[in-house]
C-alpha atoms as a PDB file:
ATOM      1  CA  MET A   1      -4.917 -21.662 -19.679  1.00  0.00           C
ATOM      2  CA  ASN A   2      -5.901 -22.430 -16.080  1.00  0.00           C
ATOM      3  CA  ILE A   3      -2.351 -21.788 -14.875  1.00  0.00           C
ATOM      4  CA  VAL A   4      -2.376 -18.343 -16.524  1.00  0.00           C
ATOM      5  CA  ILE A   5      -5.679 -17.506 -14.835  1.00  0.00           C
ATOM      6  CA  THR A   6      -4.398 -18.750 -11.490  1.00  0.00           C
ATOM      7  CA  LEU A   7      -1.193 -16.713 -11.824  1.00  0.00           C
ATOM      8  CA  PHE A   8      -3.218 -13.643 -12.808  1.00  0.00           C
ATOM      9  CA  PHE A   9      -5.364 -13.875  -9.664  1.00  0.00           C
ATOM     10  CA  TYR A  10      -2.338 -14.630  -7.470  1.00  0.00           C
ATOM     11  CA  ALA A  11      -0.493 -11.577  -8.833  1.00  0.00           C
ATOM     12  CA  LEU A  12      -3.538  -9.391  -8.216  1.00  0.00           C
ATOM     13  CA  GLY A  13      -3.876 -10.871  -4.724  1.00  0.00           C
ATOM     14  CA  ILE A  14      -0.218 -10.214  -3.932  1.00  0.00           C
ATOM     15  CA  PHE A  15      -0.639  -6.595  -5.026  1.00  0.00           C
ATOM     16  CA  PHE A  16      -3.526  -6.182  -2.577  1.00  0.00           C
ATOM     17  CA  LEU A  17      -1.634  -7.975   0.207  1.00  0.00           C
ATOM     18  CA  TYR A  18       1.213  -5.520  -0.294  1.00  0.00           C
ATOM     19  CA  GLY A  19      -1.239  -2.613  -0.203  1.00  0.00           C
ATOM     20  CA  ALA A  20      -2.855  -3.991   2.946  1.00  0.00           C
ATOM     21  CA  LEU A  21       0.509  -4.250   4.687  1.00  0.00           C
ATOM     22  CA  ASN A  22       1.492  -0.715   3.666  1.00  0.00           C
ATOM     23  CA  ASN A  23      -1.810   0.724   4.866  1.00  0.00           C
ATOM     24  CA  PHE A  24      -1.723  -1.265   8.102  1.00  0.00           C
ATOM     25  CA  LEU A  25       1.798  -0.096   8.972  1.00  0.00           C
ATOM     26  CA  ALA A  26       1.127   3.464   7.725  1.00  0.00           C
ATOM     27  CA  ARG A  27       4.800   4.352   7.556  1.00  0.00           C
ATOM     28  CA  GLY A  28       6.022   7.850   6.859  1.00  0.00           C
ATOM     29  CA  ASN A  29       3.355  10.489   6.447  1.00  0.00           C
ATOM     30  CA  LEU A  30       0.554   8.165   5.304  1.00  0.00           C
ATOM     31  CA  ARG A  31      -1.618   8.946   8.345  1.00  0.00           C
ATOM     32  CA  GLN A  32      -1.238  12.659   7.707  1.00  0.00           C
ATOM     33  CA  THR A  33      -2.039  12.120   4.024  1.00  0.00           C
ATOM     34  CA  TYR A  34      -5.275  10.322   4.927  1.00  0.00           C
ATOM     35  CA  ARG A  35      -6.187  13.293   7.153  1.00  0.00           C
ATOM     36  CA  GLN A  36      -5.456  15.733   4.321  1.00  0.00           C
ATOM     37  CA  TRP A  37      -7.791  13.719   2.108  1.00  0.00           C
ATOM     38  CA  GLY A  38     -10.534  14.173   4.705  1.00  0.00           C
ATOM     39  CA  TYR A  39     -10.569  10.690   6.209  1.00  0.00           C
ATOM     40  CA  PRO A  40     -10.791  10.178   9.979  1.00  0.00           C
ATOM     41  CA  ASP A  41      -7.859   8.967  12.050  1.00  0.00           C
ATOM     42  CA  GLY A  42      -7.414   5.224  11.738  1.00  0.00           C
ATOM     43  CA  PHE A  43      -9.103   4.988   8.340  1.00  0.00           C
ATOM     44  CA  HIS A  44      -5.920   3.459   6.939  1.00  0.00           C
ATOM     45  CA  TYR A  45      -6.852   0.364   8.979  1.00  0.00           C
ATOM     46  CA  VAL A  46     -10.190   0.170   7.146  1.00  0.00           C
ATOM     47  CA  THR A  47      -8.357   0.366   3.836  1.00  0.00           C
ATOM     48  CA  ALA A  48      -5.879  -2.280   4.989  1.00  0.00           C
ATOM     49  CA  ALA A  49      -8.673  -4.619   6.069  1.00  0.00           C
ATOM     50  CA  LEU A  50     -10.559  -4.244   2.789  1.00  0.00           C
ATOM     51  CA  GLU A  51      -7.396  -4.850   0.781  1.00  0.00           C
ATOM     52  CA  PHE A  52      -6.557  -7.910   2.880  1.00  0.00           C
ATOM     53  CA  ILE A  53     -10.052  -9.342   2.399  1.00  0.00           C
ATOM     54  CA  ALA A  54      -9.839  -8.725  -1.359  1.00  0.00           C
ATOM     55  CA  ALA A  55      -6.461 -10.490  -1.486  1.00  0.00           C
ATOM     56  CA  VAL A  56      -7.707 -13.543   0.396  1.00  0.00           C
ATOM     57  CA  LEU A  57     -10.791 -13.760  -1.823  1.00  0.00           C
ATOM     58  CA  LEU A  58      -8.605 -13.512  -4.930  1.00  0.00           C
ATOM     59  CA  PHE A  59      -6.489 -16.475  -3.807  1.00  0.00           C
ATOM     60  CA  ILE A  60      -9.475 -18.827  -3.378  1.00  0.00           C
ATOM     61  CA  PRO A  61     -10.915 -20.034  -6.713  1.00  0.00           C
ATOM     62  CA  GLY A  62     -14.534 -20.084  -5.530  1.00  0.00           C
ATOM     63  CA  THR A  63     -14.437 -16.507  -4.229  1.00  0.00           C
ATOM     64  CA  ARG A  64     -12.395 -14.794  -6.942  1.00  0.00           C
ATOM     65  CA  LEU A  65     -15.417 -13.035  -8.409  1.00  0.00           C
ATOM     66  CA  PHE A  66     -16.104 -11.344  -5.070  1.00  0.00           C
ATOM     67  CA  GLY A  67     -12.415 -10.575  -4.553  1.00  0.00           C
ATOM     68  CA  ALA A  68     -12.064  -8.977  -7.973  1.00  0.00           C
ATOM     69  CA  ALA A  69     -15.257  -6.955  -7.460  1.00  0.00           C
ATOM     70  CA  LEU A  70     -14.027  -5.742  -4.056  1.00  0.00           C
ATOM     71  CA  ALA A  71     -10.624  -4.938  -5.561  1.00  0.00           C
ATOM     72  CA  ALA A  72     -12.303  -2.888  -8.293  1.00  0.00           C
ATOM     73  CA  ALA A  73     -14.385  -1.006  -5.710  1.00  0.00           C
ATOM     74  CA  ILE A  74     -11.261  -0.242  -3.668  1.00  0.00           C
ATOM     75  CA  MET A  75      -9.525   1.116  -6.749  1.00  0.00           C
ATOM     76  CA  LEU A  76     -12.550   3.221  -7.697  1.00  0.00           C
ATOM     77  CA  ALA A  77     -12.452   4.755  -4.215  1.00  0.00           C
ATOM     78  CA  ALA A  78      -8.708   5.370  -4.521  1.00  0.00           C
ATOM     79  CA  ILE A  79      -9.150   7.068  -7.897  1.00  0.00           C
ATOM     80  CA  ALA A  80     -11.997   9.215  -6.584  1.00  0.00           C
ATOM     81  CA  THR A  81      -9.911  10.229  -3.566  1.00  0.00           C
ATOM     82  CA  LEU A  82      -6.914  11.160  -5.687  1.00  0.00           C
ATOM     83  CA  LEU A  83      -8.957  13.084  -8.246  1.00  0.00           C
ATOM     84  CA  LYS A  84     -10.802  14.964  -5.502  1.00  0.00           C
ATOM     85  CA  ALA A  85      -7.406  15.905  -4.040  1.00  0.00           C
ATOM     86  CA  GLY A  86      -6.269  17.144  -7.458  1.00  0.00           C
ATOM     87  CA  LEU A  87      -3.694  14.373  -7.890  1.00  0.00           C
ATOM     88  CA  ARG A  88      -4.505  13.320 -11.449  1.00  0.00           C
ATOM     89  CA  LYS A  89      -1.115  11.812 -12.259  1.00  0.00           C
ATOM     90  CA  GLN A  90      -1.145   9.694  -9.102  1.00  0.00           C
ATOM     91  CA  SER A  91      -4.469   8.176 -10.146  1.00  0.00           C
ATOM     92  CA  LEU A  92      -2.845   6.413 -13.101  1.00  0.00           C
ATOM     93  CA  MET A  93      -1.634   3.370 -11.135  1.00  0.00           C
ATOM     94  CA  PRO A  94      -4.984   2.766  -9.407  1.00  0.00           C
ATOM     95  CA  GLY A  95      -6.543   3.096 -12.866  1.00  0.00           C
ATOM     96  CA  VAL A  96      -4.329   0.309 -14.189  1.00  0.00           C
ATOM     97  CA  VAL A  97      -5.156  -1.875 -11.189  1.00  0.00           C
ATOM     98  CA  LEU A  98      -8.854  -1.079 -11.695  1.00  0.00           C
ATOM     99  CA  ALA A  99      -8.528  -2.323 -15.275  1.00  0.00           C
ATOM    100  CA  PHE A 100      -6.895  -5.559 -14.097  1.00  0.00           C
ATOM    101  CA  SER A 101      -9.522  -5.984 -11.379  1.00  0.00           C
ATOM    102  CA  THR A 102     -12.274  -5.502 -13.951  1.00  0.00           C
ATOM    103  CA  ILE A 103     -10.669  -8.120 -16.171  1.00  0.00           C
ATOM    104  CA  GLY A 104     -10.586 -10.331 -13.081  1.00  0.00           C
ATOM    105  CA  VAL A 105     -14.326  -9.837 -12.577  1.00  0.00           C
ATOM    106  CA  ALA A 106     -14.986 -10.857 -16.173  1.00  0.00           C
ATOM    107  CA  VAL A 107     -12.710 -13.902 -16.026  1.00  0.00           C
ATOM    108  CA  ALA A 108     -14.045 -15.049 -12.663  1.00  0.00           C
ATOM    109  CA  TYR A 109     -17.640 -14.559 -13.808  1.00  0.00           C
ATOM    110  CA  ARG A 110     -16.963 -16.605 -16.925  1.00  0.00           C
ATOM    111  CA  THR A 111     -15.490 -19.462 -14.877  1.00  0.00           C
ATOM    112  CA  VAL A 112     -18.429 -19.429 -12.425  1.00  0.00           C
ATOM    113  CA  THR A 113     -21.173 -19.536 -15.064  1.00  0.00           C
END
């Protein structure tokens, strides 16, 4: 069972590493999209940093609870942003990742206590 848990947290961490890289590079019209959502210039770097921190925390067994909680908070913010912008369909994927992050919180909490 430990290998399944480890793989779960690694997969979640890789997802957030990928997100961090995409936000850091901000290819295409991502910067303009952030502006349309009402965020200041350079906010994609804040998102990238938070996603990177979540990923690192998810990889380390002793910090997985904090990583999963941060990941869930990031996804809540993403969902709120998309819903505020009227992009309901696009909020589905962050909703799925929020569910996985919440499962991660529960699993990590259970292994800590």
